[in-house]
PDB file of N, CA and C in Angstrom:
ATOM      1  N   ALA A   1      -1.650  -8.145   1.243  1.00  0.00           N
ATOM      2  CA  ALA A   1      -2.404  -7.714   0.076  1.00  0.00           C
ATOM      3  C   ALA A   1      -2.528  -6.195   0.107  1.00  0.00           C
ATOM      4  N   VAL A   2      -2.692  -5.635  -1.068  1.00  0.00           N
ATOM      5  CA  VAL A   2      -2.938  -4.204  -1.205  1.00  0.00           C
ATOM      6  C   VAL A   2      -4.338  -4.056  -1.776  1.00  0.00           C
ATOM      7  N   VAL A   3      -5.144  -3.227  -1.127  1.00  0.00           N
ATOM      8  CA  VAL A   3      -6.532  -3.022  -1.532  1.00  0.00           C
ATOM      9  C   VAL A   3      -6.709  -1.554  -1.894  1.00  0.00           C
ATOM     10  N   LEU A   4      -7.326  -1.298  -3.048  1.00  0.00           N
ATOM     11  CA  LEU A   4      -7.680   0.048  -3.455  1.00  0.00           C
ATOM     12  C   LEU A   4      -9.063   0.338  -2.901  1.00  0.00           C
ATOM     13  N   VAL A   5      -9.210   1.432  -2.165  1.00  0.00           N
ATOM     14  CA  VAL A   5     -10.500   1.810  -1.580  1.00  0.00           C
ATOM     15  C   VAL A   5     -11.017   3.006  -2.370  1.00  0.00           C
ATOM     16  N   LEU A   6     -12.110   2.797  -3.091  1.00  0.00           N
ATOM     17  CA  LEU A   6     -12.681   3.841  -3.933  1.00  0.00           C
ATOM     18  C   LEU A   6     -13.445   4.852  -3.089  1.00  0.00           C
ATOM     19  N   ALA A   7     -13.809   5.976  -3.708  1.00  0.00           N
ATOM     20  CA  ALA A   7     -14.456   7.072  -2.992  1.00  0.00           C
ATOM     21  C   ALA A   7     -15.732   6.623  -2.281  1.00  0.00           C
ATOM     22  N   GLY A   8     -16.501   5.719  -2.859  1.00  0.00           N
ATOM     23  CA  GLY A   8     -17.736   5.252  -2.242  1.00  0.00           C
ATOM     24  C   GLY A   8     -17.523   4.186  -1.187  1.00  0.00           C
ATOM     25  N   GLY A   9     -16.274   3.789  -0.973  1.00  0.00           N
ATOM     26  CA  GLY A   9     -15.964   2.786   0.032  1.00  0.00           C
ATOM     27  C   GLY A   9     -15.783   1.385  -0.519  1.00  0.00           C
ATOM     28  N   ALA A  10     -16.051   1.198  -1.816  1.00  0.00           N
ATOM     29  CA  ALA A  10     -15.846  -0.124  -2.420  1.00  0.00           C
ATOM     30  C   ALA A  10     -14.363  -0.471  -2.390  1.00  0.00           C
ATOM     31  N   GLU A  11     -14.075  -1.733  -2.133  1.00  0.00           N
ATOM     32  CA  GLU A  11     -12.686  -2.187  -2.050  1.00  0.00           C
ATOM     33  C   GLU A  11     -12.361  -3.094  -3.230  1.00  0.00           C
ATOM     34  N   VAL A  12     -11.238  -2.800  -3.880  1.00  0.00           N
ATOM     35  CA  VAL A  12     -10.792  -3.573  -5.030  1.00  0.00           C
ATOM     36  C   VAL A  12      -9.402  -4.115  -4.727  1.00  0.00           C
ATOM     37  N   PRO A  13      -9.252  -5.435  -4.601  1.00  0.00           N
ATOM     38  CA  PRO A  13      -7.913  -5.993  -4.376  1.00  0.00           C
ATOM     39  C   PRO A  13      -7.056  -5.759  -5.624  1.00  0.00           C
ATOM     40  N   ILE A  14      -5.884  -5.180  -5.444  1.00  0.00           N
ATOM     41  CA  ILE A  14      -5.025  -4.930  -6.600  1.00  0.00           C
ATOM     42  C   ILE A  14      -3.732  -5.722  -6.546  1.00  0.00           C
ATOM     43  N   TRP A  15      -3.474  -6.354  -5.428  1.00  0.00           N
ATOM     44  CA  TRP A  15      -2.295  -7.210  -5.334  1.00  0.00           C
ATOM     45  C   TRP A  15      -2.517  -8.221  -4.234  1.00  0.00           C
ATOM     46  N   ARG A  16      -2.334  -9.476  -4.579  1.00  0.00           N
ATOM     47  CA  ARG A  16      -2.478 -10.556  -3.602  1.00  0.00           C
ATOM     48  C   ARG A  16      -1.262 -11.454  -3.703  1.00  0.00           C
ATOM     49  N   GLY A  17      -1.088 -12.245  -2.700  1.00  0.00           N
ATOM     50  CA  GLY A  17       0.008 -13.200  -2.735  1.00  0.00           C
ATOM     51  C   GLY A  17       1.010 -12.930  -1.641  1.00  0.00           C
ATOM     52  N   ASP A  18       2.102 -13.655  -1.712  1.00  0.00           N
ATOM     53  CA  ASP A  18       3.154 -13.481  -0.720  1.00  0.00           C
ATOM     54  C   ASP A  18       3.763 -12.100  -0.857  1.00  0.00           C
ATOM     55  N   PRO A  19       4.017 -11.443   0.263  1.00  0.00           N
ATOM     56  CA  PRO A  19       4.613 -10.112   0.187  1.00  0.00           C
ATOM     57  C   PRO A  19       6.046 -10.193  -0.322  1.00  0.00           C
ATOM     58  N   PRO A  20       6.450  -9.199  -1.109  1.00  0.00           N
ATOM     59  CA  PRO A  20       7.847  -9.171  -1.539  1.00  0.00           C
ATOM     60  C   PRO A  20       8.739  -8.837  -0.350  1.00  0.00           C
ATOM     61  N   GLN A  21      10.009  -9.054  -0.527  1.00  0.00           N
ATOM     62  CA  GLN A  21      10.961  -8.683   0.523  1.00  0.00           C
ATOM     63  C   GLN A  21      10.864  -7.177   0.743  1.00  0.00           C
ATOM     64  N   ALA A  22      10.755  -6.772   1.994  1.00  0.00           N
ATOM     65  CA  ALA A  22      10.614  -5.352   2.321  1.00  0.00           C
ATOM     66  C   ALA A  22      11.907  -4.618   1.994  1.00  0.00           C
ATOM     67  N   ASP A  23      11.822  -3.690   1.048  1.00  0.00           N
ATOM     68  CA  ASP A  23      12.960  -2.844   0.720  1.00  0.00           C
ATOM     69  C   ASP A  23      12.430  -1.495   0.235  1.00  0.00           C
ATOM     70  N   LEU A  24      13.331  -0.582  -0.065  1.00  0.00           N
ATOM     71  CA  LEU A  24      12.894   0.759  -0.449  1.00  0.00           C
ATOM     72  C   LEU A  24      12.181   0.779  -1.789  1.00  0.00           C
ATOM     73  N   ALA A  25      12.431  -0.180  -2.665  1.00  0.00           N
ATOM     74  CA  ALA A  25      11.710  -0.249  -3.940  1.00  0.00           C
ATOM     75  C   ALA A  25      10.227  -0.524  -3.695  1.00  0.00           C
ATOM     76  N   VAL A  26       9.929  -1.400  -2.758  1.00  0.00           N
ATOM     77  CA  VAL A  26       8.530  -1.692  -2.411  1.00  0.00           C
ATOM     78  C   VAL A  26       7.890  -0.459  -1.790  1.00  0.00           C
ATOM     79  N   VAL A  27       8.597   0.204  -0.904  1.00  0.00           N
ATOM     80  CA  VAL A  27       8.078   1.420  -0.267  1.00  0.00           C
ATOM     81  C   VAL A  27       7.814   2.491  -1.325  1.00  0.00           C
ATOM     82  N   ASP A  28       8.725   2.655  -2.276  1.00  0.00           N
ATOM     83  CA  ASP A  28       8.551   3.628  -3.350  1.00  0.00           C
ATOM     84  C   ASP A  28       7.304   3.298  -4.175  1.00  0.00           C
ATOM     85  N   SER A  29       7.126   2.044  -4.510  1.00  0.00           N
ATOM     86  CA  SER A  29       5.948   1.632  -5.284  1.00  0.00           C
ATOM     87  C   SER A  29       4.656   1.909  -4.524  1.00  0.00           C
ATOM     88  N   LEU A  30       4.645   1.599  -3.246  1.00  0.00           N
ATOM     89  CA  LEU A  30       3.451   1.855  -2.435  1.00  0.00           C
ATOM     90  C   LEU A  30       3.169   3.350  -2.317  1.00  0.00           C
ATOM     91  N   ALA A  31       4.214   4.153  -2.164  1.00  0.00           N
ATOM     92  CA  ALA A  31       4.033   5.603  -2.060  1.00  0.00           C
ATOM     93  C   ALA A  31       3.481   6.173  -3.363  1.00  0.00           C
ATOM     94  N   ARG A  32       3.985   5.707  -4.489  1.00  0.00           N
ATOM     95  CA  ARG A  32       3.485   6.175  -5.787  1.00  0.00           C
ATOM     96  C   ARG A  32       2.036   5.748  -6.008  1.00  0.00           C
ATOM     97  N   LEU A  33       1.726   4.535  -5.607  1.00  0.00           N
ATOM     98  CA  LEU A  33       0.363   4.037  -5.727  1.00  0.00           C
ATOM     99  C   LEU A  33      -0.588   4.865  -4.868  1.00  0.00           C
ATOM    100  N   GLN A  34      -0.173   5.185  -3.652  1.00  0.00           N
ATOM    101  CA  GLN A  34      -1.003   6.003  -2.766  1.00  0.00           C
ATOM    102  C   GLN A  34      -1.201   7.395  -3.351  1.00  0.00           C
ATOM    103  N   LEU A  35      -0.161   7.976  -3.919  1.00  0.00           N
ATOM    104  CA  LEU A  35      -0.268   9.304  -4.520  1.00  0.00           C
ATOM    105  C   LEU A  35      -1.250   9.294  -5.688  1.00  0.00           C
ATOM    106  N   ALA A  36      -1.148   8.293  -6.550  1.00  0.00           N
ATOM    107  CA  ALA A  36      -2.068   8.185  -7.688  1.00  0.00           C
ATOM    108  C   ALA A  36      -3.503   7.994  -7.205  1.00  0.00           C
ATOM    109  N   ALA A  37      -3.689   7.195  -6.172  1.00  0.00           N
ATOM    110  CA  ALA A  37      -5.030   6.970  -5.632  1.00  0.00           C
ATOM    111  C   ALA A  37      -5.603   8.260  -5.051  1.00  0.00           C
ATOM    112  N   ARG A  38      -4.811   8.996  -4.306  1.00  0.00           N
ATOM    113  CA  ARG A  38      -5.291  10.247  -3.693  1.00  0.00           C
ATOM    114  C   ARG A  38      -5.721  11.256  -4.740  1.00  0.00           C
ATOM    115  N   ARG A  39      -5.018  11.294  -5.851  1.00  0.00           N
ATOM    116  CA  ARG A  39      -5.373  12.234  -6.925  1.00  0.00           C
ATOM    117  C   ARG A  39      -6.763  11.954  -7.476  1.00  0.00           C
ATOM    118  N   ARG A  40      -7.240  10.746  -7.297  1.00  0.00           N
ATOM    119  CA  ARG A  40      -8.559  10.363  -7.783  1.00  0.00           C
ATOM    120  C   ARG A  40      -9.598  10.304  -6.656  1.00  0.00           C
ATOM    121  N   GLY A  41      -9.183  10.690  -5.457  1.00  0.00           N
ATOM    122  CA  GLY A  41     -10.094  10.658  -4.318  1.00  0.00           C
ATOM    123  C   GLY A  41     -10.204   9.288  -3.683  1.00  0.00           C
ATOM    124  N   TRP A  42      -9.247   8.416  -3.977  1.00  0.00           N
ATOM    125  CA  TRP A  42      -9.237   7.062  -3.443  1.00  0.00           C
ATOM    126  C   TRP A  42      -8.114   6.942  -2.430  1.00  0.00           C
ATOM    127  N   ARG A  43      -7.925   5.750  -1.893  1.00  0.00           N
ATOM    128  CA  ARG A  43      -6.787   5.476  -1.017  1.00  0.00           C
ATOM    129  C   ARG A  43      -6.422   4.011  -1.151  1.00  0.00           C
ATOM    130  N   ILE A  44      -5.291   3.642  -0.603  1.00  0.00           N
ATOM    131  CA  ILE A  44      -4.921   2.232  -0.570  1.00  0.00           C
ATOM    132  C   ILE A  44      -4.853   1.790   0.882  1.00  0.00           C
ATOM    133  N   ARG A  45      -5.004   0.502   1.082  1.00  0.00           N
ATOM    134  CA  ARG A  45      -4.914  -0.064   2.422  1.00  0.00           C
ATOM    135  C   ARG A  45      -4.128  -1.357   2.325  1.00  0.00           C
ATOM    136  N   LEU A  46      -3.190  -1.522   3.220  1.00  0.00           N
ATOM    137  CA  LEU A  46      -2.424  -2.763   3.294  1.00  0.00           C
ATOM    138  C   LEU A  46      -3.130  -3.711   4.251  1.00  0.00           C
ATOM    139  N   GLN A  47      -3.297  -4.943   3.843  1.00  0.00           N
ATOM    140  CA  GLN A  47      -3.912  -5.944   4.708  1.00  0.00           C
ATOM    141  C   GLN A  47      -2.826  -6.872   5.220  1.00  0.00           C
ATOM    142  N   ASN A  48      -2.668  -6.897   6.511  1.00  0.00           N
ATOM    143  CA  ASN A  48      -1.718  -7.793   7.180  1.00  0.00           C
ATOM    144  C   ASN A  48      -0.287  -7.696   6.649  1.00  0.00           C
ATOM    145  N   PRO A  49       0.276  -6.489   6.593  1.00  0.00           N
ATOM    146  CA  PRO A  49       1.676  -6.410   6.162  1.00  0.00           C
ATOM    147  C   PRO A  49       2.576  -7.090   7.190  1.00  0.00           C
ATOM    148  N   ASP A  50       3.657  -7.665   6.718  1.00  0.00           N
ATOM    149  CA  ASP A  50       4.553  -8.342   7.658  1.00  0.00           C
ATOM    150  C   ASP A  50       5.354  -7.315   8.460  1.00  0.00           C
ATOM    151  N   GLN A  51       5.970  -7.779   9.513  1.00  0.00           N
ATOM    152  CA  GLN A  51       6.693  -6.903  10.443  1.00  0.00           C
ATOM    153  C   GLN A  51       7.801  -6.095   9.761  1.00  0.00           C
ATOM    154  N   PRO A  52       8.652  -6.694   8.915  1.00  0.00           N
ATOM    155  CA  PRO A  52       9.701  -5.890   8.280  1.00  0.00           C
ATOM    156  C   PRO A  52       9.139  -4.748   7.428  1.00  0.00           C
ATOM    157  N   LEU A  53       8.049  -4.996   6.702  1.00  0.00           N
ATOM    158  CA  LEU A  53       7.461  -3.931   5.888  1.00  0.00           C
ATOM    159  C   LEU A  53       6.867  -2.848   6.777  1.00  0.00           C
ATOM    160  N   ARG A  54       6.171  -3.225   7.833  1.00  0.00           N
ATOM    161  CA  ARG A  54       5.618  -2.224   8.764  1.00  0.00           C
ATOM    162  C   ARG A  54       6.728  -1.357   9.349  1.00  0.00           C
ATOM    163  N   GLN A  55       7.827  -1.983   9.735  1.00  0.00           N
ATOM    164  CA  GLN A  55       8.936  -1.228  10.324  1.00  0.00           C
ATOM    165  C   GLN A  55       9.553  -0.278   9.311  1.00  0.00           C
ATOM    166  N   LEU A  56       9.704  -0.730   8.078  1.00  0.00           N
ATOM    167  CA  LEU A  56      10.296   0.123   7.051  1.00  0.00           C
ATOM    168  C   LEU A  56       9.371   1.293   6.721  1.00  0.00           C
ATOM    169  N   LEU A  57       8.078   1.046   6.623  1.00  0.00           N
ATOM    170  CA  LEU A  57       7.125   2.128   6.367  1.00  0.00           C
ATOM    171  C   LEU A  57       7.139   3.142   7.505  1.00  0.00           C
ATOM    172  N   GLU A  58       7.232   2.660   8.725  1.00  0.00           N
ATOM    173  CA  GLU A  58       7.309   3.558   9.880  1.00  0.00           C
ATOM    174  C   GLU A  58       8.599   4.376   9.846  1.00  0.00           C
ATOM    175  N   LEU A  59       9.690   3.734   9.479  1.00  0.00           N
ATOM    176  CA  LEU A  59      10.987   4.412   9.427  1.00  0.00           C
ATOM    177  C   LEU A  59      10.979   5.576   8.440  1.00  0.00           C
ATOM    178  N   VAL A  60      10.331   5.386   7.287  1.00  0.00           N
ATOM    179  CA  VAL A  60      10.316   6.442   6.276  1.00  0.00           C
ATOM    180  C   VAL A  60       9.132   7.395   6.438  1.00  0.00           C
ATOM    181  N   GLY A  61       8.281   7.140   7.431  1.00  0.00           N
ATOM    182  CA  GLY A  61       7.198   8.064   7.733  1.00  0.00           C
ATOM    183  C   GLY A  61       5.936   7.871   6.918  1.00  0.00           C
ATOM    184  N   LEU A  62       5.691   6.665   6.456  1.00  0.00           N
ATOM    185  CA  LEU A  62       4.454   6.408   5.690  1.00  0.00           C
ATOM    186  C   LEU A  62       3.474   5.598   6.498  1.00  0.00           C
TER     187      LEU A  62
END
């Protein structure tokens, strides 16, 4: 799941369900989402990402 964490610490789930196949399109979407959140003083948090997604995020430096 992807959770949006607002400036006050409130958490808003923005995506639930089975994770998509880990690929660069997913990484790009997550990076864009994080950038948009930061511009508003928020952040995103991944809950229990699977091993392939964690490895891909680590590989690209996110």
